[in-house]
Amino acid sequence: MTYAGFHLRFTLPVLLLAGFGAAWAGWEAPHTSVTLLLLAIVMVFTAPWDNAAVRHGIWDFAPGRYGFRIVRLPVEEYAFFWIQTLLVVALVRWWGGLFPGRSSLPGGEGHPGMLTWSVAGAGLLLWAAVGWWGRRRFGRRDRWHYAWHLLFWFGPLIAIQWVLGWRVFVPRLDQFLIPALALGAWLSWADLKAVRERIWFFDPGQILGWKWRGVLPWEEVVFFMLTSLLVAQSFLLLLPEAAR
């Protein structure tokens, strides 16, 4: 199986189904504009992260299983960034249409206050400091390298989103948690198949060694869960209240 075959088999059919569900739930102009913004943000944020992982040898892609590379990543990997993003927003919109009528907690309709921004800013400074320390602590010879590369980049972003948007998230926990976790589980299962097919592989010296079914590193499962959750929360946070 090639990387393109992986998409044809595991991601694009689900995207088609999710797209129908989102259309049924009601898709309006704000949903489109926020989705386009998210596609840009995801590409700008994730492409350097993924390229860095390949540069450090945390994972790589088998020759002959992809079309061509842009920098260090196959073109199909860039496509995956957008496919996963579209899957998340479509599923969140679909689920929201099934159970409408939620509203943010008081204060969730306006902009965050000065205290909220101050806490978020302090979190960003702490994040930068921890990142400076981590660059010296973790490297190719460290089994924590993939876990660090993953949790440092994505964990704090999710936390900062909660600082800024907890009034939006609390009444809608099921609206973003269920689609994100369900999609994360599906992509993890598909990833298990891809690793068995040797489309991509991992450096055993840079993972902790706990593997699902003896094949898929636990870091990969966490990756799909965290990235799906991050996109789902971003989608709701960026939408105007009437479109959520």
Protein backbone atom coordinates (compact mmCIF):
# COMPACT_ATOMS: atom_id res chain seq x y z
CA MET A 1 0.00 0.00 0.00
CA THR A 2 1.27 3.48 -0.89
CA TYR A 3 0.65 6.70 1.02
CA ALA A 4 -1.85 7.76 -1.66
CA GLY A 5 -3.55 4.38 -1.26
CA PHE A 6 -3.73 5.01 2.47
CA HIS A 7 -5.70 8.20 1.83
CA LEU A 8 -8.01 6.50 -0.64
CA ARG A 9 -8.69 3.72 1.81
CA PHE A 10 -8.79 5.36 5.23
CA THR A 11 -9.18 9.15 5.14
CA LEU A 12 -10.98 10.34 2.01
CA PRO A 13 -14.06 8.06 2.34
CA VAL A 14 -14.54 9.23 5.94
CA LEU A 15 -14.08 12.84 4.83
CA LEU A 16 -16.82 12.40 2.22
CA LEU A 17 -19.20 11.00 4.84
CA ALA A 18 -18.34 13.73 7.35
CA GLY A 19 -18.84 16.38 4.67
CA PHE A 20 -22.38 15.15 4.02
CA GLY A 21 -23.06 15.24 7.75
CA ALA A 22 -21.77 18.79 8.08
CA ALA A 23 -23.88 19.92 5.12
CA TRP A 24 -26.96 18.32 6.68
CA ALA A 25 -26.27 20.13 9.97
CA GLY A 26 -26.15 23.46 8.17
CA TRP A 27 -22.98 24.95 6.76
CA GLU A 28 -22.81 28.74 6.61
CA ALA A 29 -20.32 31.44 5.58
CA PRO A 30 -18.64 31.69 9.04
CA HIS A 31 -17.93 27.96 8.99
CA THR A 32 -16.20 28.31 5.63
CA SER A 33 -14.11 31.33 6.60
CA VAL A 34 -12.96 29.79 9.89
CA THR A 35 -12.14 26.50 8.17
CA LEU A 36 -9.99 28.29 5.57
CA LEU A 37 -8.20 30.14 8.35
CA LEU A 38 -7.59 26.87 10.20
CA LEU A 39 -6.20 25.21 7.07
CA ALA A 40 -3.64 28.01 6.80
CA ILE A 41 -2.76 27.90 10.50
CA VAL A 42 -2.39 24.11 10.51
CA MET A 43 -0.06 24.16 7.53
CA VAL A 44 2.10 26.97 8.94
CA PHE A 45 2.32 25.35 12.38
CA THR A 46 2.50 21.65 11.55
CA ALA A 47 4.78 21.60 8.50
CA PRO A 48 7.88 22.86 10.40
CA TRP A 49 7.08 20.53 13.32
CA ASP A 50 6.82 17.49 11.03
CA ASN A 51 9.87 18.45 8.97
CA ALA A 52 11.86 18.81 12.19
CA ALA A 53 10.81 15.33 13.30
CA VAL A 54 12.02 13.82 10.02
CA ARG A 55 15.25 15.85 10.20
CA HIS A 56 15.89 14.44 13.69
CA GLY A 57 15.02 10.94 12.52
CA ILE A 58 12.10 10.40 14.89
CA TRP A 59 10.19 8.99 11.93
CA ASP A 60 10.58 8.78 8.16
CA PHE A 61 8.84 7.44 5.07
CA ALA A 62 9.74 4.37 3.04
CA PRO A 63 11.10 4.99 -0.49
CA GLY A 64 8.68 4.06 -3.25
CA ARG A 65 5.59 4.51 -1.06
CA TYR A 66 4.96 8.19 -1.83
CA GLY A 67 4.95 10.55 -4.79
CA PHE A 68 7.64 13.16 -4.09
CA ARG A 69 8.96 15.21 -1.20
CA ILE A 70 8.67 18.91 -0.49
CA VAL A 71 11.61 19.67 1.80
CA ARG A 72 11.59 16.47 3.91
CA LEU A 73 7.92 15.46 3.74
CA PRO A 74 5.98 13.56 1.07
CA VAL A 75 3.29 15.58 -0.65
CA GLU A 76 0.77 13.12 0.78
CA GLU A 77 1.85 14.14 4.29
CA TYR A 78 1.03 17.78 3.57
CA ALA A 79 -2.32 16.61 2.22
CA PHE A 80 -2.91 14.76 5.49
CA PHE A 81 -2.65 18.03 7.46
CA TRP A 82 -5.59 19.43 5.54
CA ILE A 83 -7.57 16.19 5.37
CA GLN A 84 -7.44 15.75 9.15
CA THR A 85 -8.40 19.41 9.67
CA LEU A 86 -11.39 19.09 7.35
CA LEU A 87 -12.42 15.85 9.04
CA VAL A 88 -12.38 17.46 12.46
CA VAL A 89 -14.37 20.56 11.55
CA ALA A 90 -16.92 18.54 9.58
CA LEU A 91 -17.45 16.11 12.45
CA VAL A 92 -17.72 18.91 15.01
CA ARG A 93 -20.29 20.68 12.86
CA TRP A 94 -22.21 17.44 12.27
CA TRP A 95 -22.33 16.62 15.98
CA GLY A 96 -23.32 20.19 16.80
CA GLY A 97 -26.24 19.89 14.37
CA LEU A 98 -27.43 16.73 16.06
CA PHE A 99 -27.64 18.48 19.45
CA PRO A 100 -28.22 22.19 18.86
CA GLY A 101 -29.16 24.89 21.34
CA ARG A 102 -25.96 25.27 23.36
CA SER A 103 -24.80 28.70 24.43
CA SER A 104 -21.58 29.93 25.99
CA LEU A 105 -21.35 30.73 29.67
CA PRO A 106 -21.74 34.43 30.53
CA GLY A 107 -18.79 36.33 29.17
CA GLY A 108 -18.06 33.80 26.44
CA GLU A 109 -19.56 35.96 23.71
CA GLY A 110 -17.05 38.81 24.06
CA HIS A 111 -13.27 39.14 24.04
CA PRO A 112 -11.16 37.76 26.91
CA GLY A 113 -10.30 40.27 29.62
CA MET A 114 -6.91 41.61 30.60
CA LEU A 115 -6.42 39.01 33.34
CA THR A 116 -7.08 36.19 30.89
CA TRP A 117 -4.62 37.58 28.38
CA SER A 118 -2.05 38.05 31.15
CA VAL A 119 -2.34 34.41 32.21
CA ALA A 120 -2.07 33.29 28.58
CA GLY A 121 0.98 35.52 28.07
CA ALA A 122 2.67 34.14 31.18
CA GLY A 123 1.96 30.64 29.88
CA LEU A 124 3.64 31.47 26.57
CA LEU A 125 6.73 32.78 28.35
CA LEU A 126 6.90 29.62 30.46
CA TRP A 127 6.46 27.56 27.28
CA ALA A 128 9.43 29.33 25.66
CA ALA A 129 11.59 28.76 28.74
CA VAL A 130 10.72 25.07 28.90
CA GLY A 131 11.43 24.78 25.18
CA TRP A 132 14.90 26.29 25.62
CA TRP A 133 15.59 23.78 28.40
CA GLY A 134 14.19 20.87 26.38
CA ARG A 135 16.39 21.55 23.37
CA ARG A 136 19.40 20.90 25.57
CA ARG A 137 17.87 17.96 27.43
CA PHE A 138 16.33 15.81 24.70
CA GLY A 139 17.89 14.62 21.45
CA ARG A 140 18.27 11.72 19.08
CA ARG A 141 19.75 9.48 21.73
CA ASP A 142 16.90 10.03 24.17
CA ARG A 143 13.90 7.69 24.22
CA TRP A 144 11.72 10.60 25.35
CA HIS A 145 12.44 12.58 22.19
CA TYR A 146 9.18 11.86 20.32
CA ALA A 147 7.10 12.36 23.48
CA TRP A 148 8.84 15.66 24.15
CA HIS A 149 8.53 16.79 20.52
CA LEU A 150 4.80 16.04 20.68
CA LEU A 151 3.75 17.20 24.14
CA PHE A 152 5.81 20.37 24.18
CA TRP A 153 4.31 21.66 20.95
CA PHE A 154 0.68 20.65 21.32
CA GLY A 155 -0.09 20.33 25.03
CA PRO A 156 0.46 23.99 26.00
CA LEU A 157 -1.59 25.23 23.04
CA ILE A 158 -4.59 23.23 24.22
CA ALA A 159 -4.12 24.61 27.74
CA ILE A 160 -3.91 28.20 26.49
CA GLN A 161 -7.09 27.70 24.49
CA TRP A 162 -8.83 26.68 27.71
CA VAL A 163 -7.56 29.79 29.47
CA LEU A 164 -8.99 31.94 26.68
CA GLY A 165 -12.15 30.02 25.88
CA TRP A 166 -13.32 27.91 28.80
CA ARG A 167 -16.70 29.69 28.77
CA VAL A 168 -17.16 28.49 25.19
CA PHE A 169 -15.89 24.97 25.82
CA VAL A 170 -17.63 23.94 29.05
CA PRO A 171 -21.21 23.87 27.65
CA ARG A 172 -19.93 22.12 24.50
CA LEU A 173 -17.67 19.41 25.90
CA ASP A 174 -19.39 16.64 23.98
CA GLN A 175 -19.51 18.72 20.79
CA PHE A 176 -15.74 18.71 20.40
CA LEU A 177 -14.55 15.86 22.64
CA ILE A 178 -16.58 13.09 21.03
CA PRO A 179 -15.67 13.94 17.40
CA ALA A 180 -12.02 14.56 18.29
CA LEU A 181 -11.57 11.34 20.26
CA ALA A 182 -13.53 9.27 17.76
CA LEU A 183 -11.46 10.58 14.88
CA GLY A 184 -8.26 10.13 16.88
CA ALA A 185 -9.18 6.49 17.46
CA TRP A 186 -9.96 5.94 13.76
CA LEU A 187 -6.72 7.55 12.60
CA SER A 188 -4.74 5.55 15.16
CA TRP A 189 -6.24 2.33 13.82
CA ALA A 190 -5.47 3.42 10.25
CA ASP A 191 -1.93 4.35 11.32
CA LEU A 192 -1.51 0.87 12.77
CA LYS A 193 -2.26 -0.54 9.32
CA ALA A 194 0.15 1.91 7.66
CA VAL A 195 3.01 1.03 10.01
CA ARG A 196 2.42 -2.66 9.36
CA GLU A 197 2.64 -1.88 5.65
CA ARG A 198 5.88 0.04 6.28
CA ILE A 199 4.63 3.24 4.64
CA TRP A 200 6.37 5.07 7.48
CA PHE A 201 8.45 3.92 10.42
CA PHE A 202 9.91 5.14 13.72
CA ASP A 203 13.34 5.20 15.28
CA PRO A 204 13.13 2.78 18.23
CA GLY A 205 15.80 4.82 20.02
CA GLN A 206 13.56 7.90 20.16
CA ILE A 207 10.32 6.35 21.46
CA LEU A 208 9.56 4.95 24.89
CA GLY A 209 8.70 1.55 23.49
CA TRP A 210 5.08 1.11 24.61
CA LYS A 211 3.22 0.03 21.49
CA TRP A 212 -0.42 -0.67 20.69
CA ARG A 213 -0.65 -4.27 19.51
CA GLY A 214 3.12 -4.36 19.51
CA VAL A 215 3.25 -2.10 16.44
CA LEU A 216 2.07 1.49 16.97
CA PRO A 217 3.98 3.70 19.43
CA TRP A 218 1.73 5.20 22.08
CA GLU A 219 3.07 8.61 21.08
CA GLU A 220 1.29 8.23 17.72
CA VAL A 221 -2.06 7.59 19.40
CA VAL A 222 -1.57 10.66 21.59
CA PHE A 223 -0.60 12.67 18.50
CA PHE A 224 -3.89 11.96 16.75
CA MET A 225 -5.91 12.66 19.88
CA LEU A 226 -4.15 15.94 20.68
CA THR A 227 -4.12 17.31 17.13
CA SER A 228 -7.79 16.45 16.59
CA LEU A 229 -8.67 18.09 19.91
CA LEU A 230 -6.63 21.18 19.08
CA VAL A 231 -8.38 21.67 15.74
CA ALA A 232 -11.84 21.01 17.25
CA GLN A 233 -11.31 23.56 20.00
CA SER A 234 -9.86 26.10 17.56
CA PHE A 235 -12.87 25.73 15.29
CA LEU A 236 -15.34 26.48 18.08
CA LEU A 237 -13.22 29.24 19.59
CA LEU A 238 -12.88 31.13 16.31
CA LEU A 239 -16.52 30.87 15.29
CA PRO A 240 -18.95 33.66 16.22
CA GLU A 241 -21.41 32.65 18.93
CA ALA A 242 -24.37 32.34 16.54
CA ALA A 243 -22.50 29.87 14.33
CA ARG A 244 -21.29 27.54 17.07
